[in-house]
mmCIF file of all heavy atoms, coordinates in Angstrom:
data_MODEL
# 
_entry.id   MODEL 
# 
loop_
_atom_site.group_PDB 
_atom_site.id 
_atom_site.type_symbol 
_atom_site.label_atom_id 
_atom_site.label_alt_id 
_atom_site.label_comp_id 
_atom_site.label_asym_id 
_atom_site.label_entity_id 
_atom_site.label_seq_id 
_atom_site.pdbx_PDB_ins_code 
_atom_site.Cartn_x 
_atom_site.Cartn_y 
_atom_site.Cartn_z 
_atom_site.occupancy 
_atom_site.B_iso_or_equiv 
_atom_site.pdbx_formal_charge 
_atom_site.auth_seq_id 
_atom_site.auth_comp_id 
_atom_site.auth_asym_id 
_atom_site.auth_atom_id 
_atom_site.pdbx_PDB_model_num 
ATOM 1   N N   . ALA A 1 1  ? 120.723 96.869  133.764 1.00 0.00 ? 1  ALA A N   1 
ATOM 2   C CA  . ALA A 1 1  ? 120.884 98.304  133.927 1.00 0.00 ? 1  ALA A CA  1 
ATOM 3   C C   . ALA A 1 1  ? 119.616 98.983  134.304 1.00 0.00 ? 1  ALA A C   1 
ATOM 4   O O   . ALA A 1 1  ? 119.630 99.937  135.121 1.00 0.00 ? 1  ALA A O   1 
ATOM 5   C CB  . ALA A 1 1  ? 121.432 98.887  132.607 1.00 0.00 ? 1  ALA A CB  1 
ATOM 6   N N   . LEU A 1 2  ? 118.480 98.593  133.720 1.00 0.00 ? 2  LEU A N   1 
ATOM 7   C CA  . LEU A 1 2  ? 117.206 99.183  134.114 1.00 0.00 ? 2  LEU A CA  1 
ATOM 8   C C   . LEU A 1 2  ? 116.918 98.878  135.576 1.00 0.00 ? 2  LEU A C   1 
ATOM 9   O O   . LEU A 1 2  ? 116.549 99.803  136.329 1.00 0.00 ? 2  LEU A O   1 
ATOM 10  C CB  . LEU A 1 2  ? 116.072 98.538  133.219 1.00 0.00 ? 2  LEU A CB  1 
ATOM 11  C CG  . LEU A 1 2  ? 114.668 98.946  133.586 1.00 0.00 ? 2  LEU A CG  1 
ATOM 12  C CD1 . LEU A 1 2  ? 114.368 100.353 133.304 1.00 0.00 ? 2  LEU A CD1 1 
ATOM 13  C CD2 . LEU A 1 2  ? 113.641 98.018  132.866 1.00 0.00 ? 2  LEU A CD2 1 
ATOM 14  N N   . ALA A 1 3  ? 117.137 97.607  135.990 1.00 0.00 ? 3  ALA A N   1 
ATOM 15  C CA  . ALA A 1 3  ? 116.816 97.257  137.365 1.00 0.00 ? 3  ALA A CA  1 
ATOM 16  C C   . ALA A 1 3  ? 117.738 98.049  138.364 1.00 0.00 ? 3  ALA A C   1 
ATOM 17  O O   . ALA A 1 3  ? 117.273 98.342  139.463 1.00 0.00 ? 3  ALA A O   1 
ATOM 18  C CB  . ALA A 1 3  ? 117.051 95.740  137.561 1.00 0.00 ? 3  ALA A CB  1 
ATOM 19  N N   . ALA A 1 4  ? 118.963 98.354  137.962 1.00 0.00 ? 4  ALA A N   1 
ATOM 20  C CA  . ALA A 1 4  ? 119.860 99.088  138.860 1.00 0.00 ? 4  ALA A CA  1 
ATOM 21  C C   . ALA A 1 4  ? 119.347 100.485 139.150 1.00 0.00 ? 4  ALA A C   1 
ATOM 22  O O   . ALA A 1 4  ? 119.713 101.076 140.181 1.00 0.00 ? 4  ALA A O   1 
ATOM 23  C CB  . ALA A 1 4  ? 121.269 99.177  138.208 1.00 0.00 ? 4  ALA A CB  1 
ATOM 24  N N   . GLY A 1 5  ? 118.485 101.012 138.350 1.00 0.00 ? 5  GLY A N   1 
ATOM 25  C CA  . GLY A 1 5  ? 117.889 102.305 138.551 1.00 0.00 ? 5  GLY A CA  1 
ATOM 26  C C   . GLY A 1 5  ? 116.435 102.268 138.880 1.00 0.00 ? 5  GLY A C   1 
ATOM 27  O O   . GLY A 1 5  ? 115.731 103.298 138.778 1.00 0.00 ? 5  GLY A O   1 
ATOM 28  N N   . ALA A 1 6  ? 115.935 101.118 139.279 1.00 0.00 ? 6  ALA A N   1 
ATOM 29  C CA  . ALA A 1 6  ? 114.497 100.932 139.509 1.00 0.00 ? 6  ALA A CA  1 
ATOM 30  C C   . ALA A 1 6  ? 114.297 100.117 140.810 1.00 0.00 ? 6  ALA A C   1 
ATOM 31  O O   . ALA A 1 6  ? 115.242 99.926  141.581 1.00 0.00 ? 6  ALA A O   1 
ATOM 32  C CB  . ALA A 1 6  ? 113.868 100.192 138.353 1.00 0.00 ? 6  ALA A CB  1 
ATOM 33  N N   . VAL A 1 7  ? 113.047 99.713  141.019 1.00 0.00 ? 7  VAL A N   1 
ATOM 34  C CA  . VAL A 1 7  ? 112.717 98.854  142.182 1.00 0.00 ? 7  VAL A CA  1 
ATOM 35  C C   . VAL A 1 7  ? 112.679 97.400  141.676 1.00 0.00 ? 7  VAL A C   1 
ATOM 36  O O   . VAL A 1 7  ? 111.907 97.094  140.767 1.00 0.00 ? 7  VAL A O   1 
ATOM 37  C CB  . VAL A 1 7  ? 111.416 99.251  142.811 1.00 0.00 ? 7  VAL A CB  1 
ATOM 38  C CG1 . VAL A 1 7  ? 111.111 98.383  143.996 1.00 0.00 ? 7  VAL A CG1 1 
ATOM 39  C CG2 . VAL A 1 7  ? 111.451 100.702 143.212 1.00 0.00 ? 7  VAL A CG2 1 
ATOM 40  N N   . LEU A 1 8  ? 113.559 96.544  142.287 1.00 0.00 ? 8  LEU A N   1 
ATOM 41  C CA  . LEU A 1 8  ? 113.572 95.168  141.911 1.00 0.00 ? 8  LEU A CA  1 
ATOM 42  C C   . LEU A 1 8  ? 112.986 94.333  143.053 1.00 0.00 ? 8  LEU A C   1 
ATOM 43  O O   . LEU A 1 8  ? 113.491 94.461  144.193 1.00 0.00 ? 8  LEU A O   1 
ATOM 44  C CB  . LEU A 1 8  ? 114.965 94.680  141.577 1.00 0.00 ? 8  LEU A CB  1 
ATOM 45  C CG  . LEU A 1 8  ? 115.154 93.214  141.179 1.00 0.00 ? 8  LEU A CG  1 
ATOM 46  C CD1 . LEU A 1 8  ? 116.244 93.114  140.148 1.00 0.00 ? 8  LEU A CD1 1 
ATOM 47  C CD2 . LEU A 1 8  ? 115.482 92.350  142.395 1.00 0.00 ? 8  LEU A CD2 1 
ATOM 48  N N   . PHE A 1 9  ? 111.989 93.527  142.758 1.00 0.00 ? 9  PHE A N   1 
ATOM 49  C CA  . PHE A 1 9  ? 111.391 92.687  143.756 1.00 0.00 ? 9  PHE A CA  1 
ATOM 50  C C   . PHE A 1 9  ? 112.030 91.280  143.654 1.00 0.00 ? 9  PHE A C   1 
ATOM 51  O O   . PHE A 1 9  ? 111.873 90.579  142.668 1.00 0.00 ? 9  PHE A O   1 
ATOM 52  C CB  . PHE A 1 9  ? 109.854 92.563  143.577 1.00 0.00 ? 9  PHE A CB  1 
ATOM 53  C CG  . PHE A 1 9  ? 109.174 93.932  143.784 1.00 0.00 ? 9  PHE A CG  1 
ATOM 54  C CD1 . PHE A 1 9  ? 109.002 94.793  142.705 1.00 0.00 ? 9  PHE A CD1 1 
ATOM 55  C CD2 . PHE A 1 9  ? 108.797 94.297  145.043 1.00 0.00 ? 9  PHE A CD2 1 
ATOM 56  C CE1 . PHE A 1 9  ? 108.364 96.048  142.935 1.00 0.00 ? 9  PHE A CE1 1 
ATOM 57  C CE2 . PHE A 1 9  ? 108.191 95.555  145.289 1.00 0.00 ? 9  PHE A CE2 1 
ATOM 58  C CZ  . PHE A 1 9  ? 107.989 96.405  144.227 1.00 0.00 ? 9  PHE A CZ  1 
ATOM 59  N N   . GLU A 1 10 ? 112.828 90.946  144.710 1.00 0.00 ? 10 GLU A N   1 
ATOM 60  C CA  . GLU A 1 10 ? 113.628 89.753  144.700 1.00 0.00 ? 10 GLU A CA  1 
ATOM 61  C C   . GLU A 1 10 ? 112.828 88.476  144.826 1.00 0.00 ? 10 GLU A C   1 
ATOM 62  O O   . GLU A 1 10 ? 113.328 87.418  144.425 1.00 0.00 ? 10 GLU A O   1 
ATOM 63  C CB  . GLU A 1 10 ? 114.688 89.823  145.834 1.00 0.00 ? 10 GLU A CB  1 
ATOM 64  C CG  . GLU A 1 10 ? 115.654 91.004  145.738 1.00 0.00 ? 10 GLU A CG  1 
ATOM 65  C CD  . GLU A 1 10 ? 116.563 91.093  146.917 1.00 0.00 ? 10 GLU A CD  1 
ATOM 66  O OE1 . GLU A 1 10 ? 116.247 90.493  148.017 1.00 0.00 ? 10 GLU A OE1 1 
ATOM 67  O OE2 . GLU A 1 10 ? 117.623 91.762  146.779 1.00 0.00 ? 10 GLU A OE2 1 
ATOM 68  N N   . ASN A 1 11 ? 111.659 88.584  145.416 1.00 0.00 ? 11 ASN A N   1 
ATOM 69  C CA  . ASN A 1 11 ? 110.842 87.336  145.664 1.00 0.00 ? 11 ASN A CA  1 
ATOM 70  C C   . ASN A 1 11 ? 109.437 87.501  145.114 1.00 0.00 ? 11 ASN A C   1 
ATOM 71  O O   . ASN A 1 11 ? 108.460 87.481  145.832 1.00 0.00 ? 11 ASN A O   1 
ATOM 72  C CB  . ASN A 1 11 ? 110.816 87.020  147.148 1.00 0.00 ? 11 ASN A CB  1 
ATOM 73  C CG  . ASN A 1 11 ? 112.135 86.491  147.630 1.00 0.00 ? 11 ASN A CG  1 
ATOM 74  O OD1 . ASN A 1 11 ? 112.606 85.400  147.220 1.00 0.00 ? 11 ASN A OD1 1 
ATOM 75  N ND2 . ASN A 1 11 ? 112.804 87.258  148.495 1.00 0.00 ? 11 ASN A ND2 1 
ATOM 76  N N   . ALA A 1 12 ? 109.340 87.717  143.788 1.00 0.00 ? 12 ALA A N   1 
ATOM 77  C CA  . ALA A 1 12 ? 108.020 87.816  143.137 1.00 0.00 ? 12 ALA A CA  1 
ATOM 78  C C   . ALA A 1 12 ? 107.717 86.446  142.543 1.00 0.00 ? 12 ALA A C   1 
ATOM 79  O O   . ALA A 1 12 ? 108.560 85.747  142.033 1.00 0.00 ? 12 ALA A O   1 
ATOM 80  C CB  . ALA A 1 12 ? 108.118 88.837  142.003 1.00 0.00 ? 12 ALA A CB  1 
ATOM 81  N N   . ARG A 1 13 ? 106.440 86.062  142.675 1.00 0.00 ? 13 ARG A N   1 
ATOM 82  C CA  . ARG A 1 13 ? 105.987 84.778  142.152 1.00 0.00 ? 13 ARG A CA  1 
ATOM 83  C C   . ARG A 1 13 ? 104.778 84.908  141.337 1.00 0.00 ? 13 ARG A C   1 
ATOM 84  O O   . ARG A 1 13 ? 103.828 85.705  141.636 1.00 0.00 ? 13 ARG A O   1 
ATOM 85  C CB  . ARG A 1 13 ? 105.786 83.759  143.255 1.00 0.00 ? 13 ARG A CB  1 
ATOM 86  C CG  . ARG A 1 13 ? 107.109 83.289  143.866 1.00 0.00 ? 13 ARG A CG  1 
ATOM 87  C CD  . ARG A 1 13 ? 106.905 82.255  144.960 1.00 0.00 ? 13 ARG A CD  1 
ATOM 88  N NE  . ARG A 1 13 ? 108.181 81.746  145.452 1.00 0.00 ? 13 ARG A NE  1 
ATOM 89  C CZ  . ARG A 1 13 ? 108.913 82.329  146.409 1.00 0.00 ? 13 ARG A CZ  1 
ATOM 90  N NH1 . ARG A 1 13 ? 108.428 83.455  147.036 1.00 0.00 ? 13 ARG A NH1 1 
ATOM 91  N NH2 . ARG A 1 13 ? 110.090 81.782  146.786 1.00 0.00 ? 13 ARG A NH2 1 
ATOM 92  N N   . ALA A 1 14 ? 104.720 84.147  140.237 1.00 0.00 ? 14 ALA A N   1 
ATOM 93  C CA  . ALA A 1 14 ? 103.446 84.026  139.464 1.00 0.00 ? 14 ALA A CA  1 
ATOM 94  C C   . ALA A 1 14 ? 102.453 83.144  140.183 1.00 0.00 ? 14 ALA A C   1 
ATOM 95  O O   . ALA A 1 14 ? 102.823 82.294  140.962 1.00 0.00 ? 14 ALA A O   1 
ATOM 96  C CB  . ALA A 1 14 ? 103.781 83.450  138.096 1.00 0.00 ? 14 ALA A CB  1 
ATOM 97  N N   . GLN A 1 15 ? 101.185 83.346  139.851 1.00 0.00 ? 15 GLN A N   1 
ATOM 98  C CA  . GLN A 1 15 ? 100.149 82.569  140.510 1.00 0.00 ? 15 GLN A CA  1 
ATOM 99  C C   . GLN A 1 15 ? 99.850  81.259  139.774 1.00 0.00 ? 15 GLN A C   1 
ATOM 100 O O   . GLN A 1 15 ? 99.096  80.419  140.300 1.00 0.00 ? 15 GLN A O   1 
ATOM 101 C CB  . GLN A 1 15 ? 98.857  83.448  140.651 1.00 0.00 ? 15 GLN A CB  1 
ATOM 102 C CG  . GLN A 1 15 ? 98.904  84.400  141.772 1.00 0.00 ? 15 GLN A CG  1 
ATOM 103 C CD  . GLN A 1 15 ? 100.184 85.225  141.871 1.00 0.00 ? 15 GLN A CD  1 
ATOM 104 O OE1 . GLN A 1 15 ? 100.374 86.163  141.189 1.00 0.00 ? 15 GLN A OE1 1 
ATOM 105 N NE2 . GLN A 1 15 ? 101.079 84.803  142.783 1.00 0.00 ? 15 GLN A NE2 1 
ATOM 106 N N   . ALA A 1 16 ? 100.473 81.065  138.669 1.00 0.00 ? 16 ALA A N   1 
ATOM 107 C CA  . ALA A 1 16 ? 100.390 79.723  137.966 1.00 0.00 ? 16 ALA A CA  1 
ATOM 108 C C   . ALA A 1 16 ? 101.611 79.655  137.081 1.00 0.00 ? 16 ALA A C   1 
ATOM 109 O O   . ALA A 1 16 ? 102.036 80.673  136.595 1.00 0.00 ? 16 ALA A O   1 
ATOM 110 C CB  . ALA A 1 16 ? 99.114  79.643  137.181 1.00 0.00 ? 16 ALA A CB  1 
ATOM 111 N N   . PRO A 1 17 ? 102.122 78.441  136.823 1.00 0.00 ? 17 PRO A N   1 
ATOM 112 C CA  . PRO A 1 17 ? 103.304 78.281  135.954 1.00 0.00 ? 17 PRO A CA  1 
ATOM 113 C C   . PRO A 1 17 ? 102.946 78.113  134.498 1.00 0.00 ? 17 PRO A C   1 
ATOM 114 O O   . PRO A 1 17 ? 103.668 77.434  133.753 1.00 0.00 ? 17 PRO A O   1 
ATOM 115 C CB  . PRO A 1 17 ? 103.974 77.052  136.508 1.00 0.00 ? 17 PRO A CB  1 
ATOM 116 C CG  . PRO A 1 17 ? 102.788 76.184  136.958 1.00 0.00 ? 17 PRO A CG  1 
ATOM 117 C CD  . PRO A 1 17 ? 101.750 77.154  137.443 1.00 0.00 ? 17 PRO A CD  1 
ATOM 118 N N   . CYS A 1 18 ? 101.873 78.750  134.072 1.00 0.00 ? 18 CYS A N   1 
ATOM 119 C CA  . CYS A 1 18 ? 101.353 78.540  132.733 1.00 0.00 ? 18 CYS A CA  1 
ATOM 120 C C   . CYS A 1 18 ? 100.793 79.919  132.259 1.00 0.00 ? 18 CYS A C   1 
ATOM 121 O O   . CYS A 1 18 ? 100.151 80.652  133.013 1.00 0.00 ? 18 CYS A O   1 
ATOM 122 C CB  . CYS A 1 18 ? 100.260 77.526  132.731 1.00 0.00 ? 18 CYS A CB  1 
ATOM 123 S SG  . CYS A 1 18 ? 100.207 76.411  131.268 1.00 0.00 ? 18 CYS A SG  1 
ATOM 124 N N   . THR A 1 19 ? 100.978 80.240  130.961 1.00 0.00 ? 19 THR A N   1 
ATOM 125 C CA  . THR A 1 19 ? 100.504 81.557  130.471 1.00 0.00 ? 19 THR A CA  1 
ATOM 126 C C   . THR A 1 19 ? 99.022  81.725  130.789 1.00 0.00 ? 19 THR A C   1 
ATOM 127 O O   . THR A 1 19 ? 98.578  82.790  131.276 1.00 0.00 ? 19 THR A O   1 
ATOM 128 C CB  . THR A 1 19 ? 100.742 81.643  128.970 1.00 0.00 ? 19 THR A CB  1 
ATOM 129 O OG1 . THR A 1 19 ? 102.110 81.604  128.793 1.00 0.00 ? 19 THR A OG1 1 
ATOM 130 C CG2 . THR A 1 19 ? 100.213 83.003  128.454 1.00 0.00 ? 19 THR A CG2 1 
ATOM 131 N N   . PHE A 1 20 ? 98.213  80.703  130.497 1.00 0.00 ? 20 PHE A N   1 
ATOM 132 C CA  . PHE A 1 20 ? 96.834  80.675  131.008 1.00 0.00 ? 20 PHE A CA  1 
ATOM 133 C C   . PHE A 1 20 ? 96.827  79.751  132.192 1.00 0.00 ? 20 PHE A C   1 
ATOM 134 O O   . PHE A 1 20 ? 97.221  78.586  132.053 1.00 0.00 ? 20 PHE A O   1 
ATOM 135 C CB  . PHE A 1 20 ? 95.876  80.176  129.909 1.00 0.00 ? 20 PHE A CB  1 
ATOM 136 C CG  . PHE A 1 20 ? 94.470  79.878  130.485 1.00 0.00 ? 20 PHE A CG  1 
ATOM 137 C CD1 . PHE A 1 20 ? 93.608  80.874  130.741 1.00 0.00 ? 20 PHE A CD1 1 
ATOM 138 C CD2 . PHE A 1 20 ? 94.133  78.574  130.749 1.00 0.00 ? 20 PHE A CD2 1 
ATOM 139 C CE1 . PHE A 1 20 ? 92.347  80.601  131.279 1.00 0.00 ? 20 PHE A CE1 1 
ATOM 140 C CE2 . PHE A 1 20 ? 92.901  78.249  131.329 1.00 0.00 ? 20 PHE A CE2 1 
ATOM 141 C CZ  . PHE A 1 20 ? 92.004  79.305  131.577 1.00 0.00 ? 20 PHE A CZ  1 
ATOM 142 N N   . PRO A 1 21 ? 96.408  80.309  133.351 1.00 0.00 ? 21 PRO A N   1 
ATOM 143 C CA  . PRO A 1 21 ? 95.770  81.569  133.636 1.00 0.00 ? 21 PRO A CA  1 
ATOM 144 C C   . PRO A 1 21 ? 96.707  82.598  134.310 1.00 0.00 ? 21 PRO A C   1 
ATOM 145 O O   . PRO A 1 21 ? 96.184  83.539  134.866 1.00 0.00 ? 21 PRO A O   1 
ATOM 146 C CB  . PRO A 1 21 ? 94.679  81.149  134.599 1.00 0.00 ? 21 PRO A CB  1 
ATOM 147 C CG  . PRO A 1 21 ? 95.349  80.069  135.401 1.00 0.00 ? 21 PRO A CG  1 
ATOM 148 C CD  . PRO A 1 21 ? 96.290  79.277  134.485 1.00 0.00 ? 21 PRO A CD  1 
ATOM 149 N N   . SER A 1 22 ? 98.003  82.364  134.261 1.00 0.00 ? 22 SER A N   1 
ATOM 150 C CA  . SER A 1 22 ? 98.902  83.306  134.995 1.00 0.00 ? 22 SER A CA  1 
ATOM 151 C C   . SER A 1 22 ? 98.687  84.755  134.507 1.00 0.00 ? 22 SER A C   1 
ATOM 152 O O   . SER A 1 22 ? 98.622  85.721  135.314 1.00 0.00 ? 22 SER A O   1 
ATOM 153 C CB  . SER A 1 22 ? 100.314 82.895  134.797 1.00 0.00 ? 22 SER A CB  1 
ATOM 154 O OG  . SER A 1 22 ? 101.199 83.843  135.416 1.00 0.00 ? 22 SER A OG  1 
ATOM 155 N N   . THR A 1 23 ? 98.680  84.948  133.168 1.00 0.00 ? 23 THR A N   1 
ATOM 156 C CA  . THR A 1 23 ? 98.557  86.293  132.638 1.00 0.00 ? 23 THR A CA  1 
ATOM 157 C C   . THR A 1 23 ? 97.172  86.898  132.959 1.00 0.00 ? 23 THR A C   1 
ATOM 158 O O   . THR A 1 23 ? 97.081  88.099  133.307 1.00 0.00 ? 23 THR A O   1 
ATOM 159 C CB  . THR A 1 23 ? 98.722  86.301  131.123 1.00 0.00 ? 23 THR A CB  1 
ATOM 160 O OG1 . THR A 1 23 ? 100.039 85.717  130.841 1.00 0.00 ? 23 THR A OG1 1 
ATOM 161 C CG2 . THR A 1 23 ? 98.728  87.721  130.550 1.00 0.00 ? 23 THR A CG2 1 
ATOM 162 N N   . ASN A 1 24 ? 96.134  86.099  132.939 1.00 0.00 ? 24 ASN A N   1 
ATOM 163 C CA  . ASN A 1 24 ? 94.796  86.571  133.393 1.00 0.00 ? 24 ASN A CA  1 
ATOM 164 C C   . ASN A 1 24 ? 94.871  87.146  134.783 1.00 0.00 ? 24 ASN A C   1 
ATOM 165 O O   . ASN A 1 24 ? 94.318  88.234  135.061 1.00 0.00 ? 24 ASN A O   1 
ATOM 166 C CB  . ASN A 1 24 ? 93.800  85.439  133.340 1.00 0.00 ? 24 ASN A CB  1 
ATOM 167 C CG  . ASN A 1 24 ? 93.691  84.661  132.063 1.00 0.00 ? 24 ASN A CG  1 
ATOM 168 O OD1 . ASN A 1 24 ? 94.753  84.154  131.637 1.00 0.00 ? 24 ASN A OD1 1 
ATOM 169 N ND2 . ASN A 1 24 ? 92.588  84.533  131.467 1.00 0.00 ? 24 ASN A ND2 1 
ATOM 170 N N   . SER A 1 25 ? 95.555  86.388  135.622 1.00 0.00 ? 25 SER A N   1 
ATOM 171 C CA  . SER A 1 25 ? 95.698  86.834  137.047 1.00 0.00 ? 25 SER A CA  1 
ATOM 172 C C   . SER A 1 25 ? 96.401  88.112  137.156 1.00 0.00 ? 25 SER A C   1 
ATOM 173 O O   . SER A 1 25 ? 95.982  89.047  137.865 1.00 0.00 ? 25 SER A O   1 
ATOM 174 C CB  . SER A 1 25 ? 96.374  85.699  137.832 1.00 0.00 ? 25 SER A CB  1 
ATOM 175 O OG  . SER A 1 25 ? 96.469  86.055  139.173 1.00 0.00 ? 25 SER A OG  1 
ATOM 176 N N   . ALA A 1 26 ? 97.537  88.246  136.424 1.00 0.00 ? 26 ALA A N   1 
ATOM 177 C CA  . ALA A 1 26 ? 98.331  89.475  136.545 1.00 0.00 ? 26 ALA A CA  1 
ATOM 178 C C   . ALA A 1 26 ? 97.565  90.700  136.007 1.00 0.00 ? 26 ALA A C   1 
ATOM 179 O O   . ALA A 1 26 ? 97.720  91.786  136.585 1.00 0.00 ? 26 ALA A O   1 
ATOM 180 C CB  . ALA A 1 26 ? 99.636  89.295  135.738 1.00 0.00 ? 26 ALA A CB  1 
ATOM 181 N N   . LEU A 1 27 ? 96.794  90.525  134.967 1.00 0.00 ? 27 LEU A N   1 
ATOM 182 C CA  . LEU A 1 27 ? 96.063  91.681  134.351 1.00 0.00 ? 27 LEU A CA  1 
ATOM 183 C C   . LEU A 1 27 ? 94.762  92.035  135.011 1.00 0.00 ? 27 LEU A C   1 
ATOM 184 O O   . LEU A 1 27 ? 94.095  92.960  134.620 1.00 0.00 ? 27 LEU A O   1 
ATOM 185 C CB  . LEU A 1 27 ? 95.873  91.380  132.852 1.00 0.00 ? 27 LEU A CB  1 
ATOM 186 C CG  . LEU A 1 27 ? 97.146  91.263  132.006 1.00 0.00 ? 27 LEU A CG  1 
ATOM 187 C CD1 . LEU A 1 27 ? 96.759  90.957  130.528 1.00 0.00 ? 27 LEU A CD1 1 
ATOM 188 C CD2 . LEU A 1 27 ? 97.975  92.550  132.089 1.00 0.00 ? 27 LEU A CD2 1 
# 
């Protein structure tokens, strides 16, 4: 429901498949 009223990115990818260092990268 939130996405229906927002912008949804259909092809978003993380820069690593692991919390470290993926979260570091995002922040």
